[in-house]
Protein backbone atom coordinates (compact mmCIF):
# COMPACT_ATOMS: atom_id res chain seq x y z
CA UNK A 1 24.11 10.69 -8.22
CA UNK A 2 27.27 10.37 -10.21
CA UNK A 3 27.00 8.52 -13.51
CA UNK A 4 29.57 6.47 -15.36
CA UNK A 5 28.53 6.75 -19.02
CA UNK A 6 28.18 9.79 -21.32
CA UNK A 7 24.50 8.98 -21.87
CA UNK A 8 23.77 8.84 -18.15
CA UNK A 9 25.87 11.95 -17.54
CA UNK A 10 23.42 13.94 -19.64
CA UNK A 11 20.46 12.66 -17.64
CA UNK A 12 22.37 13.27 -14.42
CA UNK A 13 22.66 16.95 -15.21
CA UNK A 14 18.89 17.11 -15.56
CA UNK A 15 18.27 15.21 -12.34
CA UNK A 16 20.89 16.88 -10.21
CA UNK A 17 19.94 20.38 -11.25
CA UNK A 18 16.34 19.53 -10.63
CA UNK A 19 14.31 18.86 -7.58
CA UNK A 20 13.93 15.24 -8.43
CA UNK A 21 11.59 12.77 -6.80
CA UNK A 22 14.09 10.38 -5.38
CA UNK A 23 13.15 6.81 -4.96
CA UNK A 24 16.82 6.72 -4.78
CA UNK A 25 16.63 8.41 -1.51
CA UNK A 26 16.50 6.56 1.76
CA UNK A 27 14.24 8.02 5.56
CA UNK A 28 -1.53 15.54 -5.89
CA UNK A 29 -2.94 17.73 -3.84
CA UNK A 30 -5.59 15.23 -2.80
CA UNK A 31 -5.27 12.13 -0.65
CA UNK A 32 -6.06 8.97 -2.57
CA UNK A 33 -4.77 10.63 -5.72
CA UNK A 34 -5.49 8.40 -8.72
CA UNK A 35 -2.78 6.61 -10.56
CA UNK A 36 -1.68 7.99 -13.91
CA UNK A 37 -3.51 6.30 -16.72
CA UNK A 38 -0.40 5.47 -18.72
CA UNK A 39 0.91 1.96 -18.37
CA UNK A 40 4.63 1.49 -17.85
CA UNK A 41 6.17 -1.98 -17.62
CA UNK A 42 8.50 -2.65 -14.72
CA UNK A 43 12.14 -2.27 -15.65
CA UNK A 44 14.46 -5.30 -15.51
CA UNK A 45 16.48 -3.49 -12.83
CA UNK A 46 13.44 -2.91 -10.62
CA UNK A 47 12.46 -6.55 -10.94
CA UNK A 48 16.04 -7.52 -10.08
CA UNK A 49 15.95 -5.40 -6.89
CA UNK A 50 12.67 -7.03 -5.86
CA UNK A 51 14.15 -10.45 -6.52
CA UNK A 52 17.12 -9.62 -4.31
CA UNK A 53 15.32 -8.00 -1.38
CA UNK A 54 12.06 -9.97 -1.40
CA UNK A 55 13.60 -13.28 -2.51
CA UNK A 56 11.37 -13.64 -5.56
CA UNK A 57 11.85 -15.05 -9.01
CA UNK A 58 11.39 -12.68 -11.93
CA UNK A 59 7.97 -14.17 -12.72
CA UNK A 60 6.94 -13.85 -9.07
CA UNK A 61 8.04 -10.20 -8.97
CA UNK A 62 6.06 -9.39 -12.13
CA UNK A 63 2.99 -11.19 -10.82
CA UNK A 64 3.23 -9.43 -7.45
CA UNK A 65 3.40 -5.97 -9.01
CA UNK A 66 0.34 -6.73 -11.11
CA UNK A 67 -1.60 -8.09 -8.14
CA UNK A 68 -0.65 -5.11 -5.96
CA UNK A 69 -1.83 -2.67 -8.60
CA UNK A 70 -5.18 -4.43 -8.73
CA UNK A 71 -5.43 -4.53 -4.92
CA UNK A 72 -4.73 -0.80 -4.65
CA UNK A 73 -7.62 -0.09 -6.99
CA UNK A 74 -9.96 -2.62 -5.37
CA UNK A 75 -9.31 -1.28 -1.86
CA UNK A 76 -10.96 2.07 -2.55
CA UNK A 77 -14.14 0.51 -3.92
CA UNK A 78 -14.27 -2.16 -1.21
CA UNK A 79 -13.88 0.40 1.57
CA UNK A 80 -16.89 2.28 0.20
CA UNK A 81 -18.90 -0.94 -0.08
CA UNK A 82 -18.14 -1.85 3.54
CA UNK A 83 -19.37 1.50 4.82
CA UNK A 84 -19.42 1.89 8.59
CA UNK A 85 -18.61 -1.83 9.00
CA UNK A 86 -15.14 -1.31 7.50
CA UNK A 87 -12.43 -2.66 9.79
CA UNK A 88 -9.32 -2.24 7.61
CA UNK A 89 -7.67 -4.16 4.80
CA UNK A 90 -4.46 -5.94 3.86
CA UNK A 91 -2.77 -7.51 0.84
CA UNK A 92 -1.58 -11.10 1.03
CA UNK A 93 1.53 -11.66 -1.08
CA UNK A 94 1.09 -15.44 -1.19
CA UNK A 95 -2.44 -15.38 -2.59
CA UNK A 96 -2.08 -12.07 -4.42
CA UNK A 97 -5.43 -10.96 -3.00
CA UNK A 98 -6.82 -8.15 -0.85
CA UNK A 99 -8.78 -8.94 2.31
CA UNK A 100 -11.22 -6.46 3.81
CA UNK A 101 -12.34 -6.75 7.45
CA UNK A 102 -16.00 -6.01 8.24
CA UNK A 103 -17.88 -6.05 11.52
CA UNK A 104 -21.22 -7.15 10.04
CA UNK A 105 -22.21 -9.79 7.51
CA UNK A 106 -24.64 -7.48 5.69
CA UNK A 107 -22.11 -5.71 3.42
CA UNK A 108 -19.98 -8.83 2.84
CA UNK A 109 -21.48 -9.66 -0.55
CA UNK A 110 -21.02 -6.10 -1.79
CA UNK A 111 -17.40 -6.16 -0.67
CA UNK A 112 -16.77 -9.52 -2.36
CA UNK A 113 -18.28 -8.13 -5.55
CA UNK A 114 -15.39 -5.65 -5.74
CA UNK A 115 -12.92 -8.55 -5.92
CA UNK A 116 -11.81 -8.52 -2.28
CA UNK A 117 -11.97 -11.32 0.27
CA UNK A 118 -13.93 -10.69 3.47
CA UNK A 119 -13.09 -11.39 7.12
CA UNK A 120 -15.55 -10.77 9.95
CA UNK A 121 -14.04 -8.95 12.94
CA UNK A 122 -15.23 -7.45 16.23
CA UNK A 123 -13.98 -3.87 15.98
CA UNK A 124 -14.46 -1.43 13.10
CA UNK A 125 -11.77 0.99 11.94
CA UNK A 126 -13.27 3.93 13.79
CA UNK A 127 -13.18 2.05 17.10
CA UNK A 128 -9.58 0.97 16.55
CA UNK A 129 -8.48 4.44 15.49
CA UNK A 130 -10.19 5.95 18.53
CA UNK A 131 -8.25 3.57 20.79
CA UNK A 132 -5.03 4.54 19.06
CA UNK A 133 -5.77 8.25 19.47
CA UNK A 134 -6.20 7.69 23.20
CA UNK A 135 -2.82 5.96 23.33
CA UNK A 136 -1.32 8.80 21.29
CA UNK A 137 -2.16 11.13 24.17
CA UNK A 138 -0.22 9.06 26.71
CA UNK A 139 3.40 10.00 27.57
CA UNK A 140 5.50 7.16 26.20
CA UNK A 141 8.81 6.06 27.77
CA UNK A 142 11.87 5.35 25.64
CA UNK A 143 11.29 1.60 25.91
CA UNK A 144 8.10 1.88 23.85
CA UNK A 145 9.05 1.94 20.17
CA UNK A 146 5.76 2.55 18.35
CA UNK A 147 2.09 1.63 18.09
CA UNK A 148 -0.37 1.18 15.22
CA UNK A 149 -3.73 -0.32 14.26
CA UNK A 150 -3.30 -3.82 12.82
CA UNK A 151 -6.43 -4.62 10.78
CA UNK A 152 -5.54 -8.30 10.46
CA UNK A 153 -5.20 -8.70 14.25
CA UNK A 154 -8.15 -6.31 14.75
CA UNK A 155 -6.21 -4.67 17.58
CA UNK A 156 -3.83 -1.85 18.33
CA UNK A 157 -0.30 -3.27 18.34
CA UNK A 158 2.15 -1.71 20.81
CA UNK A 159 5.79 -2.46 19.96
CA UNK A 160 8.17 -2.42 22.93
CA UNK A 161 11.96 -2.58 22.78
CA UNK A 162 12.92 -6.09 23.88
CA UNK A 163 15.61 -4.96 26.31
CA UNK A 164 13.08 -2.69 28.09
CA UNK A 165 10.10 -5.06 28.26
CA UNK A 166 10.31 -5.41 32.07
CA UNK A 167 10.86 -1.72 32.84
CA UNK A 168 8.31 -0.35 35.29
CA UNK A 169 7.53 2.68 33.12
CA UNK A 170 6.94 0.43 30.07
CA UNK A 171 4.59 -1.80 32.04
CA UNK A 172 2.75 1.25 33.37
CA UNK A 173 2.32 2.55 29.81
CA UNK A 174 0.96 -0.82 28.65
CA UNK A 175 -1.50 -0.89 31.53
CA UNK A 176 -2.89 2.51 30.54
CA UNK A 177 -2.88 1.57 26.83
CA UNK A 178 -4.99 -1.54 27.48
CA UNK A 179 -7.65 0.66 29.07
CA UNK A 180 -8.04 2.45 25.73
CA UNK A 181 -9.30 -0.60 23.84
CA UNK A 182 -8.12 -3.86 22.26
CA UNK A 183 -4.32 -3.95 22.54
CA UNK A 184 -1.69 -6.59 21.81
CA UNK A 185 2.03 -6.27 22.59
CA UNK A 186 4.92 -7.20 20.31
CA UNK A 187 8.67 -6.79 20.72
CA UNK A 188 11.11 -4.91 18.52
CA UNK A 189 14.91 -5.34 18.75
CA UNK A 190 15.92 -1.67 18.84
CA UNK A 191 14.80 1.88 19.58
CA UNK A 192 13.69 3.90 16.50
CA UNK A 193 15.97 6.71 15.38
CA UNK A 194 15.91 9.24 12.57
CA UNK A 195 18.24 8.87 9.60
CA UNK A 196 19.72 12.32 9.22
CA UNK A 197 23.52 12.47 9.19
CA UNK A 198 26.44 14.85 9.59
CA UNK A 199 28.10 16.11 6.43
CA UNK A 200 29.78 13.25 4.56
CA UNK A 201 30.48 12.46 0.92
CA UNK A 202 27.62 11.36 -1.36
CA UNK A 203 24.80 12.75 -3.43
CA UNK A 204 22.63 14.59 -0.92
CA UNK A 205 21.28 17.93 -0.05
CA UNK A 206 22.81 19.84 2.82
CA UNK A 207 21.46 22.21 5.42
CA UNK A 208 23.83 23.37 8.14
CA UNK A 209 25.95 20.36 9.08
CA UNK A 210 23.18 17.88 8.21
CA UNK A 211 22.95 15.70 5.11
CA UNK A 212 19.58 14.31 4.02
CA UNK A 213 18.03 12.99 0.81
CA UNK A 214 15.61 14.75 -1.51
CA UNK A 215 12.12 13.30 -1.60
CA UNK A 216 9.55 13.86 -4.33
CA UNK A 217 9.33 16.78 -6.71
CA UNK A 218 6.33 19.05 -6.34
CA UNK A 219 5.51 22.05 -8.46
CA UNK A 220 7.79 24.72 -7.04
CA UNK A 221 10.03 22.53 -4.93
CA UNK A 222 10.40 19.15 -3.24
CA UNK A 223 9.18 17.38 -0.12
CA UNK A 224 11.44 15.77 2.46
CA UNK A 225 11.67 14.96 6.17
CA UNK A 226 10.91 17.61 8.77
CA UNK A 227 13.74 16.62 11.10
CA UNK A 228 16.24 17.59 8.40
CA UNK A 229 15.72 21.34 8.75
CA UNK A 230 13.74 24.22 10.25
CA UNK A 231 11.64 26.80 8.37
CA UNK A 232 13.76 29.34 6.44
CA UNK A 233 16.95 27.23 6.71
CA UNK A 234 19.02 27.37 3.51
CA UNK A 235 19.41 24.20 1.43
CA UNK A 236 22.36 23.32 -0.82
CA UNK A 237 22.61 20.59 -3.43
CA UNK A 238 25.08 17.78 -4.00
CA UNK A 239 27.49 20.27 -5.60
CA UNK A 240 27.02 22.77 -2.71
CA UNK A 241 25.16 25.21 -4.93
CA UNK A 242 22.20 27.00 -3.35
CA UNK A 243 18.78 25.40 -4.06
CA UNK A 244 16.31 27.25 -1.84
CA UNK A 245 14.96 27.28 1.72
CA UNK A 246 12.70 25.21 3.93
CA UNK A 247 9.27 26.77 3.41
CA UNK A 248 7.57 24.61 6.00
CA UNK A 249 8.75 21.96 8.44
CA UNK A 250 7.17 19.91 11.22
CA UNK A 251 8.95 17.59 13.69
CA UNK A 252 8.13 15.92 16.03
CA UNK A 253 4.38 15.28 15.86
CA UNK A 254 4.90 14.99 12.10
CA UNK A 255 8.05 14.45 10.08
CA UNK A 256 7.62 16.36 6.87
CA UNK A 257 8.85 19.51 5.16
CA UNK A 258 9.07 21.17 1.79
CA UNK A 259 11.80 23.21 0.13
CA UNK A 260 11.34 25.75 -2.66
CA UNK A 261 13.53 25.50 -5.75
CA UNK A 262 15.28 28.26 -7.65
CA UNK A 263 18.74 29.51 -8.60
CA UNK A 264 18.98 27.34 -11.71
CA UNK A 265 17.45 24.22 -10.18
CA UNK A 266 14.15 22.81 -11.40
CA UNK A 267 11.86 19.88 -10.70
CA UNK A 268 11.42 16.62 -12.61
CA UNK A 269 9.13 13.64 -11.82
CA UNK A 270 11.95 11.15 -11.36
CA UNK A 271 13.20 8.80 -8.66
CA UNK A 272 16.92 8.12 -9.00
CA UNK A 273 17.95 4.49 -9.47
CA UNK A 274 21.63 4.90 -8.58
CA UNK A 275 22.59 2.41 -11.28
CA UNK A 276 20.92 -0.41 -9.36
CA UNK A 277 17.66 0.17 -11.22
CA UNK A 278 16.80 2.52 -14.04
CA UNK A 279 15.61 5.96 -12.97
CA UNK A 280 11.91 5.68 -12.19
CA UNK A 281 9.18 8.04 -13.41
CA UNK A 282 6.60 9.13 -10.84
CA UNK A 283 3.06 8.88 -12.22
CA UNK A 284 0.88 9.40 -9.15
CA UNK A 285 0.51 8.83 -5.42
CA UNK A 286 -2.03 6.02 -5.00
CA UNK A 287 -1.37 4.50 -1.58
CA UNK A 288 -0.31 0.83 -1.58
CA UNK A 289 -2.06 -1.49 0.92
CA UNK A 290 -0.48 -3.25 3.89
CA UNK A 291 1.39 -6.28 2.54
CA UNK A 292 2.36 -4.65 -0.76
CA UNK A 293 5.95 -4.30 -1.92
CA UNK A 294 7.65 -0.93 -1.69
CA UNK A 295 11.12 0.31 -2.67
CA UNK A 296 13.32 3.23 -1.69
CA UNK A 297 16.80 4.50 -2.36
CA UNK A 298 18.84 7.22 -0.75
CA UNK A 299 22.05 9.15 -0.71
CA UNK A 300 23.64 6.63 1.69
CA UNK A 301 22.28 3.18 0.89
CA UNK A 302 20.80 3.71 -2.57
CA UNK A 303 18.03 1.31 -3.68
CA UNK A 304 16.33 -1.29 -1.46
CA UNK A 305 12.92 -2.97 -1.42
CA UNK A 306 10.64 -4.52 1.17
CA UNK A 307 7.01 -4.74 2.26
CA UNK A 308 4.48 -2.38 3.84
CA UNK A 309 4.06 -3.70 7.42
CA UNK A 310 1.64 -1.21 9.01
CA UNK A 311 -0.03 2.15 8.52
CA UNK A 312 -0.96 5.02 10.83
CA UNK A 313 1.72 3.98 13.32
CA UNK A 314 2.90 6.33 16.05
CA UNK A 315 6.70 6.21 16.38
CA UNK A 316 8.30 7.20 19.68
CA UNK A 317 11.61 8.88 18.78
CA UNK A 318 13.81 10.38 21.49
CA UNK A 319 12.81 13.85 20.21
CA UNK A 320 9.10 13.04 20.59
CA UNK A 321 6.33 10.98 19.02
CA UNK A 322 5.51 11.19 15.30
CA UNK A 323 2.04 10.17 14.13
CA UNK A 324 0.45 8.63 11.01
CA UNK A 325 3.61 6.87 9.84
CA UNK A 326 3.85 3.85 7.53
CA UNK A 327 6.16 1.04 8.68
CA UNK A 328 8.09 -1.05 6.16
CA UNK A 329 10.64 -3.87 6.13
CA UNK A 330 13.00 -1.77 3.99
CA UNK A 331 16.40 -0.97 5.51
CA UNK A 332 17.91 2.52 5.80
CA UNK A 333 20.90 4.32 7.32
CA UNK A 334 21.94 7.85 8.37
CA UNK A 335 21.78 10.28 5.46
CA UNK A 336 18.79 8.52 3.87
CA UNK A 337 16.26 10.71 5.73
CA UNK A 338 13.79 12.56 3.55
CA UNK A 339 14.19 10.32 0.51
CA UNK A 340 11.53 8.58 -1.54
CA UNK A 341 9.45 5.50 -0.96
CA UNK A 342 7.78 4.32 -4.17
CA UNK A 343 5.54 1.37 -5.09
CA UNK A 344 5.62 0.68 -8.82
CA UNK A 345 5.35 4.20 -10.25
CA UNK A 346 3.30 5.57 -7.34
CA UNK A 347 4.88 7.88 -4.74
CA UNK A 348 4.31 6.63 -1.19
CA UNK A 349 6.21 8.80 1.28
CA UNK A 350 9.45 10.33 2.56
CA UNK A 351 11.86 8.44 4.81
CA UNK A 352 11.70 9.34 8.49
CA UNK A 353 13.66 6.83 10.57
CA UNK A 354 13.83 3.28 11.83
CA UNK A 355 16.16 0.74 13.39
CA UNK A 356 18.87 -1.51 11.98
CA UNK A 357 20.93 -1.01 8.82
CA UNK A 358 21.31 -2.39 5.31
CA UNK A 359 23.92 -4.93 6.38
CA UNK A 360 21.93 -6.75 9.04
CA UNK A 361 18.42 -5.56 8.10
CA UNK A 362 15.84 -3.55 9.97
CA UNK A 363 12.62 -1.58 9.62
CA UNK A 364 12.01 1.96 8.35
CA UNK A 365 9.07 4.35 8.62
CA UNK A 366 7.96 6.89 6.05
CA UNK A 367 5.59 9.85 6.30
CA UNK A 368 2.88 9.38 3.64
CA UNK A 369 3.33 11.79 0.76
CA UNK A 370 -0.36 12.62 0.33
CA UNK A 371 -0.48 13.96 3.87
CA UNK A 372 2.41 16.31 3.09
CA UNK A 373 0.82 17.51 -0.14
CA UNK A 374 -2.46 18.23 1.60
CA UNK A 375 -0.81 19.96 4.56
CA UNK A 376 1.05 22.48 2.40
CA UNK A 377 -1.32 22.65 -0.59
CA UNK A 378 1.32 21.19 -2.93
CA UNK A 379 0.89 19.29 -6.19
CA UNK A 380 3.06 16.28 -6.94
CA UNK A 381 5.09 16.61 -10.15
CA UNK A 382 4.15 13.55 -12.24
CA UNK A 383 5.10 12.23 -15.64
């Protein structure tokens, strides 16, 4: 979080002495919190990062952000219109449109009237989620990476580590999973891991010998990853000054925590851009659909962008399974845990873990921020 110009140095003091919402960190009280009404154009730096990571032109990046904002709004209305026939939804980056799956033709016209496309499917969201919950209860071997409901496939996708696909325990798990409902199997190149790190240089927060990244500011503190610290553990800032303590923490099962702020630190609704993009204001926590673009930055790898690949995925870390995660194509590395995922100016979640790195690529999961806010009764600090 070090700055190179006098102007940015002044802002740095505000951000670093505050519990900032870092979209420059790697892995609201109500879910479905509405977006802030103020309009804020995308910065040239943000568009540049999307061009780099998503291989878009500037015009394509601007058009995609606009289409994703519309899709996020449409999804809520379309879900209500679909009622019990709702089977999930996804955003298509090529067409710029949202598609909603329904199990009956009756509500199709009402769904189309919201601006969404319609696809008829066999299983509704409740059936798919019930199948996933059954799989959640199964003991998963290390060769099983994760599993989630894929609305486009209308199945539960089980991701297995390619090098373990023929293991007897993996095959036994798949056999039991298929008994739960509609399942399809895909391969992933590596085992998921968390992105905490031992103490190294950078702009982090520290607890014990672990370095992680600050997530989003809430009134009274900030949210971050649960695997970064246990309740009551002391937290120190980038300059090693005392910030506060973990007030709540859950891992595995979940991967979220929150830290109170005091001792001269305060909170601001900002995600740090690390000089790659301008510092981003946080205006709400409306959840972006599958297929939408999302960006994150952290104390190790700074700012990177990608796409939302899946929601409500169960990730099988070596420490135990973590539920209700969002999978993205954004890269991350050790030390990025706990940091912000943001879509436009809307907070999405805090970095948990993944596989790969920012040299060769990979995938990263985040714990949705609205779940954390609801769990601890916190309110997101917004601009």
